[in-house]
Amino acid sequence: MESYLKTCQEWLPVIGRYPEPEFTNVNAPTCQERMDHMEWQETGDLAAGTIFLCINKSQKDHVHDCQGNPEQIWD
């Protein structure tokens, strides 16, 4: 699973090494900051989805409450 996530460039969110981008001004983010944040969120969602789809059906109940967080699913 680790190797697969690495080939999909989804491994860093799983191990907590893909920090959420910060906004210079939270009330007025730049276009680039919004795009960076969207990319960060999508990468995390992809990683979480990949893990969820690859785990055994009997294990899915254990990660139901953290489906959007790849690090929590992995743990």
N, C-alpha and C. Protein backbone atom coordinates (compact mmCIF):
# COMPACT_ATOMS: atom_id res chain seq x y z
N MET A 1 0.83 -1.19 0.00
CA MET A 1 0.00 0.00 0.00
C MET A 1 0.88 1.25 0.00
N GLU A 2 1.92 1.23 0.82
CA GLU A 2 2.84 2.38 0.87
C GLU A 2 3.44 2.66 -0.50
N SER A 3 3.90 1.62 -1.16
CA SER A 3 4.50 1.79 -2.49
C SER A 3 3.49 2.34 -3.48
N TYR A 4 2.27 1.85 -3.42
CA TYR A 4 1.23 2.34 -4.33
C TYR A 4 0.94 3.82 -4.08
N LEU A 5 0.80 4.20 -2.83
CA LEU A 5 0.54 5.60 -2.50
C LEU A 5 1.69 6.50 -2.95
N LYS A 6 2.90 5.99 -2.85
CA LYS A 6 4.06 6.77 -3.30
C LYS A 6 4.02 6.97 -4.81
N THR A 7 3.65 5.94 -5.55
CA THR A 7 3.60 6.09 -7.01
C THR A 7 2.49 7.03 -7.44
N CYS A 8 1.48 7.18 -6.62
CA CYS A 8 0.38 8.10 -6.91
C CYS A 8 0.63 9.50 -6.33
N GLN A 9 1.78 9.70 -5.71
CA GLN A 9 2.14 10.95 -5.04
C GLN A 9 1.12 11.32 -3.96
N GLU A 10 0.70 10.29 -3.22
CA GLU A 10 -0.28 10.48 -2.15
C GLU A 10 0.29 10.06 -0.79
N TRP A 11 1.56 9.75 -0.71
CA TRP A 11 2.14 9.23 0.52
C TRP A 11 2.35 10.30 1.59
N LEU A 12 2.82 11.48 1.21
CA LEU A 12 3.14 12.51 2.20
C LEU A 12 1.95 12.89 3.09
N PRO A 13 0.74 13.03 2.56
CA PRO A 13 -0.39 13.33 3.46
C PRO A 13 -0.65 12.20 4.46
N VAL A 14 -0.34 10.98 4.06
CA VAL A 14 -0.59 9.82 4.92
C VAL A 14 0.33 9.83 6.13
N ILE A 15 1.56 10.28 5.95
CA ILE A 15 2.52 10.27 7.05
C ILE A 15 2.66 11.64 7.72
N GLY A 16 1.77 12.57 7.37
CA GLY A 16 1.76 13.87 8.04
C GLY A 16 2.85 14.82 7.60
N ARG A 17 3.40 14.61 6.41
CA ARG A 17 4.49 15.46 5.92
C ARG A 17 4.04 16.31 4.74
N TYR A 18 2.78 16.67 4.73
CA TYR A 18 2.21 17.50 3.67
C TYR A 18 1.37 18.57 4.36
N PRO A 19 2.04 19.58 4.94
CA PRO A 19 1.34 20.55 5.78
C PRO A 19 0.35 21.41 4.98
N GLU A 20 -0.69 21.78 5.66
CA GLU A 20 -1.69 22.66 5.06
C GLU A 20 -1.06 24.02 4.76
N PRO A 21 -1.23 24.52 3.54
CA PRO A 21 -0.67 25.83 3.22
C PRO A 21 -1.33 26.93 4.04
N GLU A 22 -0.55 27.92 4.38
CA GLU A 22 -1.08 29.03 5.16
C GLU A 22 -1.37 30.22 4.25
N PHE A 23 -2.36 30.99 4.65
CA PHE A 23 -2.70 32.20 3.93
C PHE A 23 -1.99 33.39 4.56
N THR A 24 -1.48 34.28 3.72
CA THR A 24 -0.87 35.50 4.22
C THR A 24 -1.91 36.32 4.97
N ASN A 25 -3.10 36.43 4.38
CA ASN A 25 -4.22 37.12 5.00
C ASN A 25 -5.43 36.20 4.85
N VAL A 26 -5.88 35.64 5.95
CA VAL A 26 -6.98 34.68 5.92
C VAL A 26 -8.24 35.28 5.31
N ASN A 27 -8.45 36.57 5.51
CA ASN A 27 -9.65 37.23 5.01
C ASN A 27 -9.56 37.60 3.53
N ALA A 28 -8.36 37.55 2.97
CA ALA A 28 -8.18 37.91 1.56
C ALA A 28 -7.06 37.07 0.94
N PRO A 29 -7.29 35.75 0.81
CA PRO A 29 -6.23 34.91 0.23
C PRO A 29 -6.02 35.25 -1.24
N THR A 30 -4.80 35.11 -1.68
CA THR A 30 -4.51 35.34 -3.09
C THR A 30 -5.02 34.17 -3.91
N CYS A 31 -5.09 34.38 -5.19
CA CYS A 31 -5.52 33.31 -6.10
C CYS A 31 -4.59 32.09 -5.97
N GLN A 32 -3.29 32.34 -5.91
CA GLN A 32 -2.32 31.25 -5.78
C GLN A 32 -2.48 30.52 -4.46
N GLU A 33 -2.75 31.25 -3.39
CA GLU A 33 -2.96 30.62 -2.08
C GLU A 33 -4.21 29.74 -2.11
N ARG A 34 -5.27 30.20 -2.74
CA ARG A 34 -6.49 29.39 -2.85
C ARG A 34 -6.23 28.13 -3.67
N MET A 35 -5.46 28.28 -4.75
CA MET A 35 -5.14 27.12 -5.58
C MET A 35 -4.26 26.13 -4.83
N ASP A 36 -3.28 26.64 -4.07
CA ASP A 36 -2.41 25.77 -3.28
C ASP A 36 -3.22 25.01 -2.23
N HIS A 37 -4.17 25.70 -1.61
CA HIS A 37 -4.99 25.06 -0.58
C HIS A 37 -5.90 24.00 -1.20
N MET A 38 -6.45 24.30 -2.37
CA MET A 38 -7.30 23.34 -3.05
C MET A 38 -6.50 22.10 -3.44
N GLU A 39 -5.28 22.29 -3.92
CA GLU A 39 -4.42 21.16 -4.28
C GLU A 39 -4.08 20.33 -3.04
N TRP A 40 -3.79 21.00 -1.93
CA TRP A 40 -3.50 20.30 -0.67
C TRP A 40 -4.69 19.44 -0.26
N GLN A 41 -5.88 20.04 -0.32
CA GLN A 41 -7.09 19.32 0.09
C GLN A 41 -7.37 18.14 -0.85
N GLU A 42 -7.24 18.35 -2.14
CA GLU A 42 -7.49 17.28 -3.10
C GLU A 42 -6.50 16.13 -2.94
N THR A 43 -5.25 16.44 -2.69
CA THR A 43 -4.24 15.39 -2.50
C THR A 43 -4.57 14.56 -1.27
N GLY A 44 -4.97 15.21 -0.19
CA GLY A 44 -5.38 14.47 1.00
C GLY A 44 -6.60 13.62 0.75
N ASP A 45 -7.57 14.17 0.02
CA ASP A 45 -8.78 13.41 -0.30
C ASP A 45 -8.46 12.19 -1.17
N LEU A 46 -7.56 12.38 -2.14
CA LEU A 46 -7.16 11.26 -2.99
C LEU A 46 -6.49 10.16 -2.17
N ALA A 47 -5.60 10.55 -1.28
CA ALA A 47 -4.91 9.57 -0.44
C ALA A 47 -5.90 8.82 0.44
N ALA A 48 -6.81 9.56 1.06
CA ALA A 48 -7.80 8.92 1.93
C ALA A 48 -8.69 7.98 1.13
N GLY A 49 -9.10 8.42 -0.04
CA GLY A 49 -9.95 7.58 -0.90
C GLY A 49 -9.23 6.32 -1.37
N THR A 50 -7.98 6.47 -1.73
CA THR A 50 -7.20 5.32 -2.18
C THR A 50 -7.08 4.28 -1.07
N ILE A 51 -6.74 4.73 0.11
CA ILE A 51 -6.62 3.79 1.24
C ILE A 51 -7.97 3.12 1.50
N PHE A 52 -9.03 3.92 1.55
CA PHE A 52 -10.35 3.38 1.86
C PHE A 52 -10.77 2.32 0.85
N LEU A 53 -10.50 2.58 -0.43
CA LEU A 53 -10.89 1.61 -1.47
C LEU A 53 -10.07 0.33 -1.41
N CYS A 54 -8.89 0.40 -0.84
CA CYS A 54 -7.99 -0.75 -0.83
C CYS A 54 -8.09 -1.61 0.43
N ILE A 55 -8.78 -1.13 1.44
CA ILE A 55 -8.86 -1.94 2.66
C ILE A 55 -10.03 -2.91 2.58
N ASN A 56 -9.91 -3.95 3.36
CA ASN A 56 -10.92 -4.98 3.42
C ASN A 56 -12.23 -4.40 3.93
N LYS A 57 -13.32 -4.89 3.39
CA LYS A 57 -14.65 -4.41 3.78
C LYS A 57 -14.87 -4.48 5.28
N SER A 58 -14.36 -5.50 5.92
CA SER A 58 -14.54 -5.66 7.37
C SER A 58 -13.81 -4.58 8.17
N GLN A 59 -12.82 -3.93 7.55
CA GLN A 59 -12.05 -2.90 8.24
C GLN A 59 -12.61 -1.49 8.03
N LYS A 60 -13.49 -1.33 7.07
CA LYS A 60 -14.01 0.00 6.73
C LYS A 60 -14.79 0.64 7.87
N ASP A 61 -15.43 -0.17 8.70
CA ASP A 61 -16.15 0.39 9.85
C ASP A 61 -15.21 1.09 10.82
N HIS A 62 -13.97 0.65 10.89
CA HIS A 62 -13.00 1.22 11.81
C HIS A 62 -12.54 2.61 11.38
N VAL A 63 -12.67 2.93 10.10
CA VAL A 63 -12.18 4.22 9.60
C VAL A 63 -13.32 5.11 9.10
N HIS A 64 -14.53 4.70 9.32
CA HIS A 64 -15.69 5.45 8.82
C HIS A 64 -15.69 6.90 9.28
N ASP A 65 -15.33 7.14 10.54
CA ASP A 65 -15.39 8.49 11.09
C ASP A 65 -14.24 9.38 10.66
N CYS A 66 -13.24 8.84 10.01
CA CYS A 66 -12.08 9.66 9.60
C CYS A 66 -11.80 9.52 8.11
N GLN A 67 -12.83 9.32 7.31
CA GLN A 67 -12.66 9.08 5.88
C GLN A 67 -11.92 10.21 5.15
N GLY A 68 -12.02 11.44 5.62
CA GLY A 68 -11.37 12.54 4.96
C GLY A 68 -9.95 12.82 5.41
N ASN A 69 -9.45 12.00 6.31
CA ASN A 69 -8.12 12.25 6.88
C ASN A 69 -7.23 11.04 6.65
N PRO A 70 -6.36 11.12 5.63
CA PRO A 70 -5.54 9.94 5.31
C PRO A 70 -4.60 9.51 6.43
N GLU A 71 -4.12 10.47 7.21
CA GLU A 71 -3.22 10.13 8.31
C GLU A 71 -3.94 9.32 9.38
N GLN A 72 -5.15 9.72 9.71
CA GLN A 72 -5.93 8.99 10.72
C GLN A 72 -6.34 7.60 10.20
N ILE A 73 -6.69 7.52 8.94
CA ILE A 73 -7.05 6.21 8.38
C ILE A 73 -5.85 5.27 8.45
N TRP A 74 -4.69 5.78 8.09
CA TRP A 74 -3.48 4.95 8.10
C TRP A 74 -3.15 4.50 9.52
N ASP A 75 -3.26 5.40 10.46
CA ASP A 75 -2.97 5.04 11.85
C ASP A 75 -3.95 4.01 12.36
